[in-house]
């Protein structure tokens, strides 16, 4: 049997195992016509052939081992039989035992002659002892005397190719009957059976190993599909149906199962934390911690100790050793929000943690290994900050393996009402009020507002409306949206107002048409070339891409 063959699936392995054992059975059949010890007993040889066919049809390991030992006892007529196999740690364990017919044997008594088995393991050769009491090498062994052994046989179970055979266990039988001892012929039969048994055991182990891997893969895919379905069904906190969010969900599904670092871009309040949490929950790390660190809200002199921990006495007030967020998240995900606020000296230490997976406590020298996935987020233009020397270029490239840009709420069209309805249900439950509904005028106000604070501002406005509304109908004044920030532009700054309006119309057209340039140009009433120029002017990017590639999406 070739050990280096490639097994694609269980069915292929079963077929190859049957061919291996069929070949062995055929070889035994050919021996029937030859002279030799096996040819001396046609009945025994026929029995061996039948055993060969029987074990070739069994690929369940437990059933196979039982079948092998039943066959061993039938072939040899032994008083007791043991099948022993090595476990993964290299320890030889008794796996199956059998007693002969009319043999009184306490099944809890698992004593056997270790002297004999050790000899076979050391030499790799079958051993037959016709009368142990007369053999000077073994008759002094305590186990032989204690068990009152008369005759014994032990054969190795060898697997692998001729030049690379390895012992996977042994078959041991003994007899206490004075009048009946094993013969050289019995040893030949047992050795022939052991050769086929070793092949069958190895094949059964491979089959069970592959089945286990396939079952693990199936369960993993089921868990991933369930998580993805929950995401698509809106049972997660991340909601959206507009084309821009379709692109976001598509990228989340692609990157969640990987281990790459991600950079989330978007205005404040666009849901970057929710996206990071969703990616973690869909990843292989979901059973481990998800740690959020707001780099912008923690003072610079405290952020290092918060990230990496500190030793006792590292600074005034450090009365005990404390783990940092990276250690707490070991095996999980660290979400670095507002990464653009991090000072340059701390960026160097963060870079080392990402590159080498090693951190040091503040005030300590011990190198602590950590395994975390980094998801960073910012509303800054990191490329500009790299150009200005405010943000390290090497750290930017480490974080920017995959970039996911979240659209502002004002560009998400009908998602505004979807999110408003979801928030309305949530805050009605929170404040124990009857579920209200939005009036047509309130919906118009929601859709017409520019939402500079994005989803966070929307939630605040909806919570305010739930509290302020005493009726079942929410009106615009409950929302506090009567004055739109769009009107805050200085009266004389017409050029800026025109730019904002132009960008807004372009963004809405691209989102509505899934960044199809031709359709967007048709909707705006301009040429394709003009659309490309406006995209370049306002440095706009398709969802999840760094730069528009100049092609219809």
Protein backbone atom coordinates (compact mmCIF):
# COMPACT_ATOMS: atom_id res chain seq x y z
CA UNK A 1 0.00 0.00 0.00
CA UNK A 2 1.36 3.40 -0.88
CA UNK A 3 1.39 5.80 2.09
CA UNK A 4 2.17 8.87 0.02
CA UNK A 5 -0.95 8.68 -2.11
CA UNK A 6 -3.32 11.61 -2.09
CA UNK A 7 -6.73 10.84 -0.58
CA UNK A 8 -9.39 13.16 -1.94
CA UNK A 9 -12.35 11.74 -0.03
CA UNK A 10 -13.59 8.80 1.96
CA UNK A 11 -14.98 6.97 -1.06
CA UNK A 12 -11.58 6.97 -2.80
CA UNK A 13 -9.89 5.67 0.32
CA UNK A 14 -12.41 2.84 0.73
CA UNK A 15 -11.89 1.79 -2.86
CA UNK A 16 -8.09 1.80 -2.47
CA UNK A 17 -8.31 -0.14 0.80
CA UNK A 18 -10.45 -2.81 -0.83
CA UNK A 19 -7.91 -3.11 -3.66
CA UNK A 20 -5.05 -3.46 -1.17
CA UNK A 21 -6.76 -6.22 0.76
CA UNK A 22 -8.07 -7.96 -2.35
CA UNK A 23 -4.49 -8.12 -3.60
CA UNK A 24 -3.41 -9.61 -0.28
CA UNK A 25 -6.18 -12.19 -0.44
CA UNK A 26 -5.23 -13.07 -4.00
CA UNK A 27 -1.62 -13.57 -2.93
CA UNK A 28 -2.77 -15.98 -0.25
CA UNK A 29 -4.88 -17.90 -2.75
CA UNK A 30 -1.85 -18.30 -4.99
CA UNK A 31 0.01 -19.82 -2.07
CA UNK A 32 -2.51 -22.67 -1.85
CA UNK A 33 -0.81 -24.44 -4.74
CA UNK A 34 2.69 -24.09 -3.33
CA UNK A 35 4.58 -26.18 -0.82
CA UNK A 36 5.45 -24.67 2.54
CA UNK A 37 4.14 -24.35 6.02
CA UNK A 38 0.93 -22.61 4.98
CA UNK A 39 0.25 -25.27 2.40
CA UNK A 40 0.27 -27.96 5.09
CA UNK A 41 -3.21 -27.18 6.31
CA UNK A 42 -5.77 -26.43 3.60
CA UNK A 43 -8.53 -25.88 6.14
CA UNK A 44 -6.52 -23.27 8.04
CA UNK A 45 -5.56 -21.52 4.80
CA UNK A 46 -9.19 -21.42 3.69
CA UNK A 47 -10.07 -19.93 7.06
CA UNK A 48 -7.34 -17.31 6.64
CA UNK A 49 -8.69 -16.39 3.21
CA UNK A 50 -12.18 -16.02 4.63
CA UNK A 51 -10.81 -13.81 7.41
CA UNK A 52 -9.02 -11.70 4.82
CA UNK A 53 -12.22 -11.11 2.88
CA UNK A 54 -14.11 -10.36 6.10
CA UNK A 55 -11.77 -7.69 7.43
CA UNK A 56 -11.44 -6.08 3.98
CA UNK A 57 -15.14 -5.17 4.17
CA UNK A 58 -14.95 -3.44 7.58
CA UNK A 59 -13.78 0.18 7.82
CA UNK A 60 -15.24 1.12 11.19
CA UNK A 61 -12.26 0.86 13.50
CA UNK A 62 -14.05 -0.56 16.56
CA UNK A 63 -15.84 -3.20 14.50
CA UNK A 64 -12.62 -3.99 12.66
CA UNK A 65 -10.61 -4.60 15.83
CA UNK A 66 -13.31 -6.90 17.17
CA UNK A 67 -13.37 -8.82 13.87
CA UNK A 68 -9.57 -9.15 13.89
CA UNK A 69 -9.45 -10.55 17.42
CA UNK A 70 -12.34 -12.95 16.81
CA UNK A 71 -10.42 -14.23 13.78
CA UNK A 72 -7.16 -14.50 15.77
CA UNK A 73 -8.82 -16.68 18.39
CA UNK A 74 -10.47 -18.85 15.73
CA UNK A 75 -7.19 -19.36 13.85
CA UNK A 76 -4.95 -20.07 16.86
CA UNK A 77 -7.26 -21.68 19.44
CA UNK A 78 -5.51 -19.60 22.12
CA UNK A 79 -6.65 -19.36 25.74
CA UNK A 80 -6.29 -15.57 25.77
CA UNK A 81 -5.67 -12.90 23.15
CA UNK A 82 -4.67 -9.24 23.28
CA UNK A 83 -4.60 -6.63 20.52
CA UNK A 84 -2.48 -3.65 21.54
CA UNK A 85 -2.07 -0.38 19.64
CA UNK A 86 0.08 2.70 20.11
CA UNK A 87 -1.74 5.93 20.91
CA UNK A 88 -0.67 9.38 19.71
CA UNK A 89 1.67 9.80 22.67
CA UNK A 90 3.53 6.59 21.78
CA UNK A 91 2.11 4.50 24.63
CA UNK A 92 1.15 0.89 23.89
CA UNK A 93 -2.40 0.29 25.13
CA UNK A 94 -4.52 -2.85 25.34
CA UNK A 95 -7.36 -2.19 22.87
CA UNK A 96 -9.23 -5.52 22.56
CA UNK A 97 -9.07 -8.72 24.62
CA UNK A 98 -10.54 -12.14 24.01
CA UNK A 99 -10.81 -15.42 25.94
CA UNK A 100 -10.93 -18.82 24.30
CA UNK A 101 -13.92 -21.19 24.60
CA UNK A 102 -14.41 -22.65 28.08
CA UNK A 103 -11.63 -20.37 29.34
CA UNK A 104 -12.22 -19.01 32.84
CA UNK A 105 -10.75 -15.52 32.82
CA UNK A 106 -11.55 -12.41 34.80
CA UNK A 107 -11.81 -9.70 32.13
CA UNK A 108 -10.40 -7.17 34.62
CA UNK A 109 -7.21 -9.21 34.78
CA UNK A 110 -5.22 -7.65 31.94
CA UNK A 111 -1.85 -9.15 32.84
CA UNK A 112 0.30 -10.48 30.03
CA UNK A 113 3.98 -11.16 29.49
CA UNK A 114 5.56 -7.77 28.85
CA UNK A 115 8.91 -9.53 28.41
CA UNK A 116 7.55 -11.23 25.29
CA UNK A 117 5.87 -8.16 23.81
CA UNK A 118 8.94 -6.01 24.42
CA UNK A 119 11.09 -8.56 22.59
CA UNK A 120 8.79 -8.42 19.55
CA UNK A 121 8.62 -4.61 19.61
CA UNK A 122 12.42 -4.37 19.82
CA UNK A 123 13.18 -6.86 17.02
CA UNK A 124 10.12 -6.23 14.83
CA UNK A 125 9.95 -10.03 14.29
CA UNK A 126 7.21 -12.57 15.15
CA UNK A 127 7.94 -14.70 18.21
CA UNK A 128 6.76 -18.29 18.95
CA UNK A 129 7.44 -19.98 22.26
CA UNK A 130 6.33 -23.62 22.21
CA UNK A 131 7.17 -24.28 25.84
CA UNK A 132 8.06 -21.15 27.77
CA UNK A 133 9.08 -23.12 30.86
CA UNK A 134 11.97 -24.61 28.88
CA UNK A 135 13.16 -21.32 27.36
CA UNK A 136 16.00 -19.81 29.42
CA UNK A 137 15.38 -16.31 28.02
CA UNK A 138 11.81 -16.13 29.30
CA UNK A 139 11.18 -18.79 31.95
CA UNK A 140 12.59 -16.57 34.71
CA UNK A 141 10.19 -13.70 33.93
CA UNK A 142 7.79 -13.01 36.83
CA UNK A 143 4.81 -12.64 34.50
CA UNK A 144 5.40 -16.10 33.01
CA UNK A 145 5.39 -17.69 36.46
CA UNK A 146 2.47 -15.67 37.78
CA UNK A 147 0.29 -16.45 34.77
CA UNK A 148 1.51 -20.09 34.54
CA UNK A 149 2.05 -19.66 30.81
CA UNK A 150 2.80 -22.75 28.72
CA UNK A 151 2.96 -21.43 25.17
CA UNK A 152 2.78 -17.99 23.58
CA UNK A 153 2.93 -16.17 20.26
CA UNK A 154 3.34 -12.48 19.56
CA UNK A 155 3.49 -10.73 16.16
CA UNK A 156 4.04 -7.07 15.30
CA UNK A 157 1.49 -4.99 13.38
CA UNK A 158 3.62 -3.24 10.79
CA UNK A 159 2.32 -0.50 8.49
CA UNK A 160 3.93 1.46 5.68
CA UNK A 161 6.18 0.65 2.76
CA UNK A 162 8.92 -1.94 2.98
CA UNK A 163 11.72 0.57 3.65
CA UNK A 164 9.66 2.72 6.01
CA UNK A 165 7.63 0.23 8.01
CA UNK A 166 6.61 1.24 11.50
CA UNK A 167 5.01 -0.74 14.30
CA UNK A 168 1.47 0.39 15.13
CA UNK A 169 0.94 -2.34 17.73
CA UNK A 170 1.15 -6.08 18.42
CA UNK A 171 -1.11 -9.13 18.60
CA UNK A 172 -0.35 -11.37 21.59
CA UNK A 173 -1.84 -14.79 22.42
CA UNK A 174 -0.97 -17.31 25.09
CA UNK A 175 -2.06 -20.67 26.46
CA UNK A 176 -1.89 -22.28 29.90
CA UNK A 177 -2.82 -25.75 28.67
CA UNK A 178 0.01 -28.25 28.97
CA UNK A 179 -1.37 -30.62 26.40
CA UNK A 180 -1.90 -27.95 23.72
CA UNK A 181 0.89 -25.69 22.52
CA UNK A 182 1.23 -23.44 19.51
CA UNK A 183 3.18 -24.58 16.45
CA UNK A 184 5.36 -22.90 13.89
CA UNK A 185 2.46 -23.32 11.51
CA UNK A 186 0.22 -21.31 13.88
CA UNK A 187 2.82 -18.53 13.92
CA UNK A 188 2.81 -18.36 10.10
CA UNK A 189 -0.97 -18.08 10.07
CA UNK A 190 -0.95 -15.38 12.79
CA UNK A 191 1.80 -13.41 11.01
CA UNK A 192 -0.13 -13.52 7.72
CA UNK A 193 -3.28 -12.33 9.47
CA UNK A 194 -1.34 -9.56 11.25
CA UNK A 195 0.05 -8.27 7.94
CA UNK A 196 -3.48 -7.81 6.56
CA UNK A 197 -4.81 -6.53 9.89
CA UNK A 198 -2.20 -3.74 9.97
CA UNK A 199 -3.28 -2.56 6.51
CA UNK A 200 -6.94 -2.61 7.54
CA UNK A 201 -6.29 -0.76 10.80
CA UNK A 202 -4.34 1.99 9.03
CA UNK A 203 -7.06 2.36 6.42
CA UNK A 204 -9.77 2.48 9.09
CA UNK A 205 -7.85 5.17 10.95
CA UNK A 206 -7.48 7.21 7.77
CA UNK A 207 -11.18 6.84 7.00
CA UNK A 208 -12.20 7.92 10.49
CA UNK A 209 -9.71 10.80 10.40
CA UNK A 210 -11.10 12.05 7.09
CA UNK A 211 -14.67 11.62 8.32
CA UNK A 212 -13.81 13.65 11.42
CA UNK A 213 -12.26 16.41 9.32
CA UNK A 214 -15.25 16.44 6.99
CA UNK A 215 -17.65 16.60 9.95
CA UNK A 216 -15.67 19.47 11.50
CA UNK A 217 -15.70 21.26 8.15
CA UNK A 218 -19.45 20.68 7.81
CA UNK A 219 -20.16 22.02 11.28
CA UNK A 220 -17.91 25.02 10.68
CA UNK A 221 -19.67 25.82 7.41
CA UNK A 222 -23.05 25.44 9.11
CA UNK A 223 -22.01 27.92 11.80
CA UNK A 224 -20.67 30.36 9.20
CA UNK A 225 -23.80 30.02 7.05
CA UNK A 226 -26.01 30.60 10.08
CA UNK A 227 -24.06 33.71 11.02
CA UNK A 228 -24.14 35.00 7.46
CA UNK A 229 -27.86 34.30 7.18
CA UNK A 230 -28.46 36.21 10.39
CA UNK A 231 -26.50 39.07 8.90
CA UNK A 232 -28.52 39.00 5.68
CA UNK A 233 -31.83 38.58 7.51
CA UNK A 234 -31.14 41.68 9.56
CA UNK A 235 -31.07 39.84 12.88
CA UNK A 236 -27.76 41.51 13.67
CA UNK A 237 -27.45 45.13 14.73
CA UNK A 238 -26.05 46.01 11.32
CA UNK A 239 -28.89 47.04 9.01
CA UNK A 240 -28.99 48.28 5.44
CA UNK A 241 -30.53 47.59 2.04
CA UNK A 242 -29.10 50.34 -0.16
CA UNK A 243 -26.54 49.47 -2.88
CA UNK A 244 -23.71 51.04 -0.89
CA UNK A 245 -24.42 48.76 2.09
CA UNK A 246 -24.75 45.75 -0.21
CA UNK A 247 -21.11 46.36 -1.08
CA UNK A 248 -20.21 46.63 2.61
CA UNK A 249 -21.96 43.34 3.44
CA UNK A 250 -20.23 41.64 0.51
CA UNK A 251 -16.80 42.63 1.79
CA UNK A 252 -17.67 41.62 5.36
CA UNK A 253 -18.57 38.12 4.14
CA UNK A 254 -15.31 37.83 2.21
CA UNK A 255 -12.93 39.02 4.92
CA UNK A 256 -14.60 37.65 8.07
CA UNK A 257 -13.10 34.18 7.72
CA UNK A 258 -9.59 35.46 7.03
CA UNK A 259 -6.98 36.68 9.50
CA UNK A 260 -5.98 39.88 7.72
CA UNK A 261 -6.00 43.26 9.44
CA UNK A 262 -8.64 45.73 8.29
CA UNK A 263 -8.99 49.48 8.16
CA UNK A 264 -12.50 50.91 8.44
CA UNK A 265 -13.01 54.41 7.05
CA UNK A 266 -16.00 56.65 7.43
CA UNK A 267 -17.40 59.68 9.14
CA UNK A 268 -18.07 59.63 12.86
CA UNK A 269 -21.25 57.72 13.68
CA UNK A 270 -21.44 55.62 10.50
CA UNK A 271 -21.35 52.31 12.42
CA UNK A 272 -17.69 51.35 12.30
CA UNK A 273 -17.88 49.63 15.69
CA UNK A 274 -20.89 47.57 14.56
CA UNK A 275 -19.03 46.50 11.43
CA UNK A 276 -15.95 45.51 13.45
CA UNK A 277 -18.12 43.50 15.85
CA UNK A 278 -19.89 41.79 12.93
CA UNK A 279 -16.57 40.78 11.36
CA UNK A 280 -15.40 39.36 14.70
CA UNK A 281 -18.67 37.46 15.24
CA UNK A 282 -18.37 35.86 11.78
CA UNK A 283 -14.71 34.93 12.22
CA UNK A 284 -12.98 31.87 13.69
CA UNK A 285 -12.13 34.06 16.70
CA UNK A 286 -15.75 34.68 17.70
CA UNK A 287 -15.47 32.58 20.89
CA UNK A 288 -12.59 34.80 22.05
CA UNK A 289 -12.75 38.40 23.33
CA UNK A 290 -13.63 41.43 21.21
CA UNK A 291 -11.93 44.41 22.84
CA UNK A 292 -12.73 48.00 21.82
CA UNK A 293 -10.19 50.76 22.45
CA UNK A 294 -11.12 54.37 21.66
CA UNK A 295 -7.72 55.89 20.96
CA UNK A 296 -9.24 59.37 20.80
CA UNK A 297 -10.88 59.35 24.23
CA UNK A 298 -7.91 58.10 26.31
CA UNK A 299 -5.20 60.66 27.21
CA UNK A 300 -1.91 60.06 25.43
CA UNK A 301 0.01 59.40 28.66
CA UNK A 302 -2.45 56.65 29.65
CA UNK A 303 -3.05 54.98 26.29
CA UNK A 304 0.17 52.93 26.31
CA UNK A 305 -0.59 51.36 29.70
CA UNK A 306 -4.19 50.78 28.59
CA UNK A 307 -3.05 48.96 25.44
CA UNK A 308 -0.05 47.01 26.75
CA UNK A 309 -0.45 46.90 30.55
CA UNK A 310 2.04 47.90 33.22
CA UNK A 311 4.19 46.52 36.02
CA UNK A 312 3.90 47.38 39.68
CA UNK A 313 5.68 50.67 40.35
CA UNK A 314 5.85 51.67 36.68
CA UNK A 315 4.38 55.06 37.59
CA UNK A 316 2.74 56.80 40.49
CA UNK A 317 -0.41 54.89 41.37
CA UNK A 318 0.69 51.62 39.75
CA UNK A 319 0.23 49.55 42.93
CA UNK A 320 -0.08 46.20 41.15
CA UNK A 321 0.73 44.53 37.86
CA UNK A 322 -2.08 44.97 35.31
CA UNK A 323 -2.78 43.32 31.97
CA UNK A 324 -3.36 45.51 28.94
CA UNK A 325 -6.12 45.23 26.36
CA UNK A 326 -3.91 43.26 23.97
CA UNK A 327 -3.38 40.53 26.57
CA UNK A 328 -7.07 40.51 27.46
CA UNK A 329 -7.93 40.03 23.78
CA UNK A 330 -5.43 37.20 23.24
CA UNK A 331 -6.87 34.85 20.62
CA UNK A 332 -9.55 37.38 19.72
CA UNK A 333 -9.91 40.77 18.05
CA UNK A 334 -8.73 44.25 19.04
CA UNK A 335 -10.74 47.13 17.58
CA UNK A 336 -8.69 50.35 17.58
CA UNK A 337 -11.22 53.12 17.05
CA UNK A 338 -9.96 56.57 16.01
CA UNK A 339 -6.48 55.18 15.25
CA UNK A 340 -5.62 58.50 13.62
CA UNK A 341 -5.49 60.12 17.08
CA UNK A 342 -2.61 57.90 18.25
CA UNK A 343 0.70 59.68 18.92
CA UNK A 344 3.77 58.75 16.87
CA UNK A 345 5.83 57.18 19.72
CA UNK A 346 2.97 54.81 20.53
CA UNK A 347 2.51 53.98 16.83
CA UNK A 348 6.01 52.42 16.89
CA UNK A 349 5.06 50.06 19.73
CA UNK A 350 1.79 49.19 18.04
CA UNK A 351 3.68 48.38 14.84
CA UNK A 352 5.92 45.96 16.73
CA UNK A 353 2.91 44.28 18.34
CA UNK A 354 1.36 43.76 14.90
CA UNK A 355 4.57 42.63 13.15
CA UNK A 356 6.05 40.38 15.84
CA UNK A 357 3.06 39.53 18.01
CA UNK A 358 5.04 40.72 21.04
CA UNK A 359 4.31 43.41 23.64
CA UNK A 360 6.02 44.68 26.80
CA UNK A 361 4.35 46.06 29.89
CA UNK A 362 5.06 49.66 30.75
CA UNK A 363 7.94 49.49 33.22
CA UNK A 364 8.71 45.87 32.32
CA UNK A 365 11.24 43.97 30.22
CA UNK A 366 9.44 40.66 29.68
CA UNK A 367 8.37 40.00 26.11
CA UNK A 368 4.77 38.78 26.10
CA UNK A 369 3.45 36.98 23.05
CA UNK A 370 -0.09 37.85 21.94
CA UNK A 371 -2.26 36.56 19.11
CA UNK A 372 -4.81 39.16 18.07
CA UNK A 373 -6.48 40.34 14.90
CA UNK A 374 -6.42 44.11 14.43
CA UNK A 375 -9.36 46.08 13.07
CA UNK A 376 -8.67 49.80 13.05
CA UNK A 377 -11.02 52.67 12.26
CA UNK A 378 -10.70 56.38 11.61
CA UNK A 379 -12.51 59.35 10.14
CA UNK A 380 -9.16 60.94 9.23
CA UNK A 381 -7.54 60.88 5.81
CA UNK A 382 -4.57 58.71 6.80
CA UNK A 383 -2.90 59.08 3.40
CA UNK A 384 -2.67 62.83 3.94
CA UNK A 385 -1.45 62.32 7.51
CA UNK A 386 1.24 59.94 6.25
CA UNK A 387 2.31 62.61 3.74
CA UNK A 388 2.47 65.18 6.54
CA UNK A 389 4.48 62.83 8.79
CA UNK A 390 1.72 62.66 11.39
CA UNK A 391 1.07 58.94 10.83
CA UNK A 392 3.73 56.28 10.20
CA UNK A 393 3.76 54.93 6.66
CA UNK A 394 4.78 51.39 7.73
CA UNK A 395 1.95 51.21 10.26
CA UNK A 396 -0.51 52.50 7.66
CA UNK A 397 0.46 49.71 5.26
CA UNK A 398 0.21 47.11 8.04
CA UNK A 399 -3.33 48.23 8.85
CA UNK A 400 -4.43 48.94 5.30
CA UNK A 401 -4.35 45.38 3.91
CA UNK A 402 -8.07 45.64 3.24
CA UNK A 403 -9.98 48.91 3.48
CA UNK A 404 -13.71 49.11 4.00
CA UNK A 405 -15.31 52.55 3.64
CA UNK A 406 -18.72 53.05 5.23
CA UNK A 407 -21.10 55.45 3.47
CA UNK A 408 -22.49 58.45 5.37
CA UNK A 409 -26.14 58.16 6.33
CA UNK A 410 -27.17 61.00 3.98
CA UNK A 411 -26.06 58.83 1.02
CA UNK A 412 -28.01 55.72 2.07
CA UNK A 413 -31.45 56.75 0.81
CA UNK A 414 -34.28 54.57 2.15
CA UNK A 415 -31.96 53.05 4.76
CA UNK A 416 -32.66 56.18 6.80
CA UNK A 417 -36.26 55.09 7.34
CA UNK A 418 -35.22 51.46 7.89
CA UNK A 419 -32.84 52.51 10.67
CA UNK A 420 -35.38 54.97 12.08
CA UNK A 421 -38.04 52.25 12.36
CA UNK A 422 -35.57 49.90 14.06
CA UNK A 423 -34.53 52.61 16.54
CA UNK A 424 -38.18 53.45 17.18
CA UNK A 425 -38.91 49.87 18.27
CA UNK A 426 -35.77 49.71 20.41
CA UNK A 427 -36.38 52.95 22.30
CA UNK A 428 -40.10 52.30 22.71
CA UNK A 429 -39.18 49.10 24.57
CA UNK A 430 -36.44 50.86 26.52
CA UNK A 431 -38.75 53.61 27.76
CA UNK A 432 -41.77 51.28 28.08
CA UNK A 433 -43.96 53.29 25.75
CA UNK A 434 -46.45 52.06 23.22
CA UNK A 435 -44.94 51.72 19.77
CA UNK A 436 -45.68 54.88 17.79
CA UNK A 437 -45.30 55.48 14.08
CA UNK A 438 -43.89 58.27 11.95
CA UNK A 439 -46.21 60.71 10.25
CA UNK A 440 -45.63 61.35 6.52
CA UNK A 441 -44.20 64.77 7.43
CA UNK A 442 -41.80 63.18 9.93
CA UNK A 443 -40.60 60.73 7.27
CA UNK A 444 -40.08 63.63 4.88
CA UNK A 445 -38.02 65.43 7.55
CA UNK A 446 -35.94 62.31 8.19
CA UNK A 447 -35.19 61.88 4.48
CA UNK A 448 -34.43 65.55 3.93
CA UNK A 449 -32.06 66.01 6.85
CA UNK A 450 -28.30 65.85 6.14
CA UNK A 451 -27.33 63.83 9.26
CA UNK A 452 -23.88 65.23 10.01
CA UNK A 453 -23.75 62.88 13.03
CA UNK A 454 -24.89 59.90 10.94
CA UNK A 455 -26.43 56.84 12.66
CA UNK A 456 -25.47 58.00 16.15
CA UNK A 457 -27.32 61.27 15.64
CA UNK A 458 -30.31 59.44 14.14
CA UNK A 459 -30.60 57.24 17.22
CA UNK A 460 -30.42 60.26 19.53
CA UNK A 461 -33.15 62.02 17.56
CA UNK A 462 -35.41 58.95 17.58
CA UNK A 463 -34.93 58.44 21.33
CA UNK A 464 -35.79 62.10 21.86
CA UNK A 465 -38.95 61.69 19.76
CA UNK A 466 -40.04 58.61 21.74
CA UNK A 467 -39.69 60.55 24.99
CA UNK A 468 -41.31 63.75 23.72
CA UNK A 469 -44.24 62.16 21.89
CA UNK A 470 -47.39 61.63 23.97
CA UNK A 471 -49.40 60.40 21.03
CA UNK A 472 -49.11 57.40 18.71
CA UNK A 473 -47.88 59.61 15.87
CA UNK A 474 -44.39 61.12 15.74
CA UNK A 475 -44.30 64.54 14.07
CA UNK A 476 -41.32 66.59 12.82
CA UNK A 477 -41.20 68.76 15.95
CA UNK A 478 -40.72 65.63 18.09
CA UNK A 479 -37.59 64.89 16.07
CA UNK A 480 -36.10 68.37 16.31
CA UNK A 481 -35.17 68.39 12.63
CA UNK A 482 -36.88 71.62 11.59
CA UNK A 483 -33.58 73.41 10.95
CA UNK A 484 -31.35 71.41 8.63
CA UNK A 485 -27.57 71.88 8.87
CA UNK A 486 -27.67 72.33 5.10
CA UNK A 487 -28.90 75.90 5.74
CA UNK A 488 -25.93 76.72 7.98
CA UNK A 489 -23.68 77.69 5.06
CA UNK A 490 -22.74 81.34 5.16
CA UNK A 491 -25.24 83.38 3.05
CA UNK A 492 -22.57 84.81 0.77
CA UNK A 493 -20.66 81.56 0.13
CA UNK A 494 -22.55 80.42 -3.00
CA UNK A 495 -19.53 78.59 -4.41
CA UNK A 496 -19.29 76.32 -1.35
CA UNK A 497 -23.05 75.73 -1.38
CA UNK A 498 -22.85 74.73 -5.04
CA UNK A 499 -20.00 72.28 -4.36
CA UNK A 500 -21.91 70.64 -1.51
CA UNK A 501 -25.06 70.28 -3.59
CA UNK A 502 -23.11 68.95 -6.57
CA UNK A 503 -21.30 66.36 -4.45
CA UNK A 504 -24.55 65.33 -2.74
CA UNK A 505 -26.37 64.75 -6.05
CA UNK A 506 -23.39 62.86 -7.48
CA UNK A 507 -23.10 60.64 -4.40
CA UNK A 508 -26.82 59.82 -4.39
CA UNK A 509 -26.83 59.01 -8.12
CA UNK A 510 -23.79 56.71 -7.82
CA UNK A 511 -25.27 54.92 -4.81
CA UNK A 512 -28.66 54.49 -6.49
CA UNK A 513 -27.02 53.01 -9.59
CA UNK A 514 -24.42 50.83 -7.78
CA UNK A 515 -21.64 53.00 -9.20
CA UNK A 516 -22.61 52.27 -12.79
CA UNK A 517 -21.11 55.33 -14.50
CA UNK A 518 -23.36 55.24 -17.57
CA UNK A 519 -26.60 55.01 -15.55
CA UNK A 520 -25.42 57.68 -13.11
CA UNK A 521 -24.56 60.06 -15.96
CA UNK A 522 -27.98 59.47 -17.52
CA UNK A 523 -29.72 60.23 -14.21
CA UNK A 524 -27.71 63.41 -13.66
CA UNK A 525 -28.12 64.58 -17.24
CA UNK A 526 -24.37 64.87 -17.89
CA UNK A 527 -21.77 62.90 -19.84
CA UNK A 528 -19.73 59.95 -18.56
CA UNK A 529 -16.56 62.03 -18.79
CA UNK A 530 -18.12 64.69 -16.57
CA UNK A 531 -19.02 62.03 -13.99
CA UNK A 532 -15.42 60.80 -13.96
CA UNK A 533 -14.12 64.36 -13.52
CA UNK A 534 -16.51 65.01 -10.61
CA UNK A 535 -15.50 61.72 -8.94
CA UNK A 536 -11.87 62.78 -9.17
CA UNK A 537 -12.61 66.31 -7.99
CA UNK A 538 -14.37 65.16 -4.84
CA UNK A 539 -12.05 62.16 -4.30
CA UNK A 540 -14.98 59.78 -4.08
CA UNK A 541 -14.48 56.01 -3.82
CA UNK A 542 -16.76 53.03 -4.41
CA UNK A 543 -17.73 51.17 -1.22
CA UNK A 544 -14.84 48.96 -0.10
CA UNK A 545 -12.36 50.17 -2.74
CA UNK A 546 -9.46 52.53 -2.38
CA UNK A 547 -9.95 54.26 -5.72
CA UNK A 548 -12.42 54.10 -8.59
CA UNK A 549 -10.89 52.05 -11.37
CA UNK A 550 -12.44 53.97 -14.22
CA UNK A 551 -14.81 51.18 -15.14
CA UNK A 552 -18.50 50.70 -14.74
CA UNK A 553 -19.21 48.81 -11.56
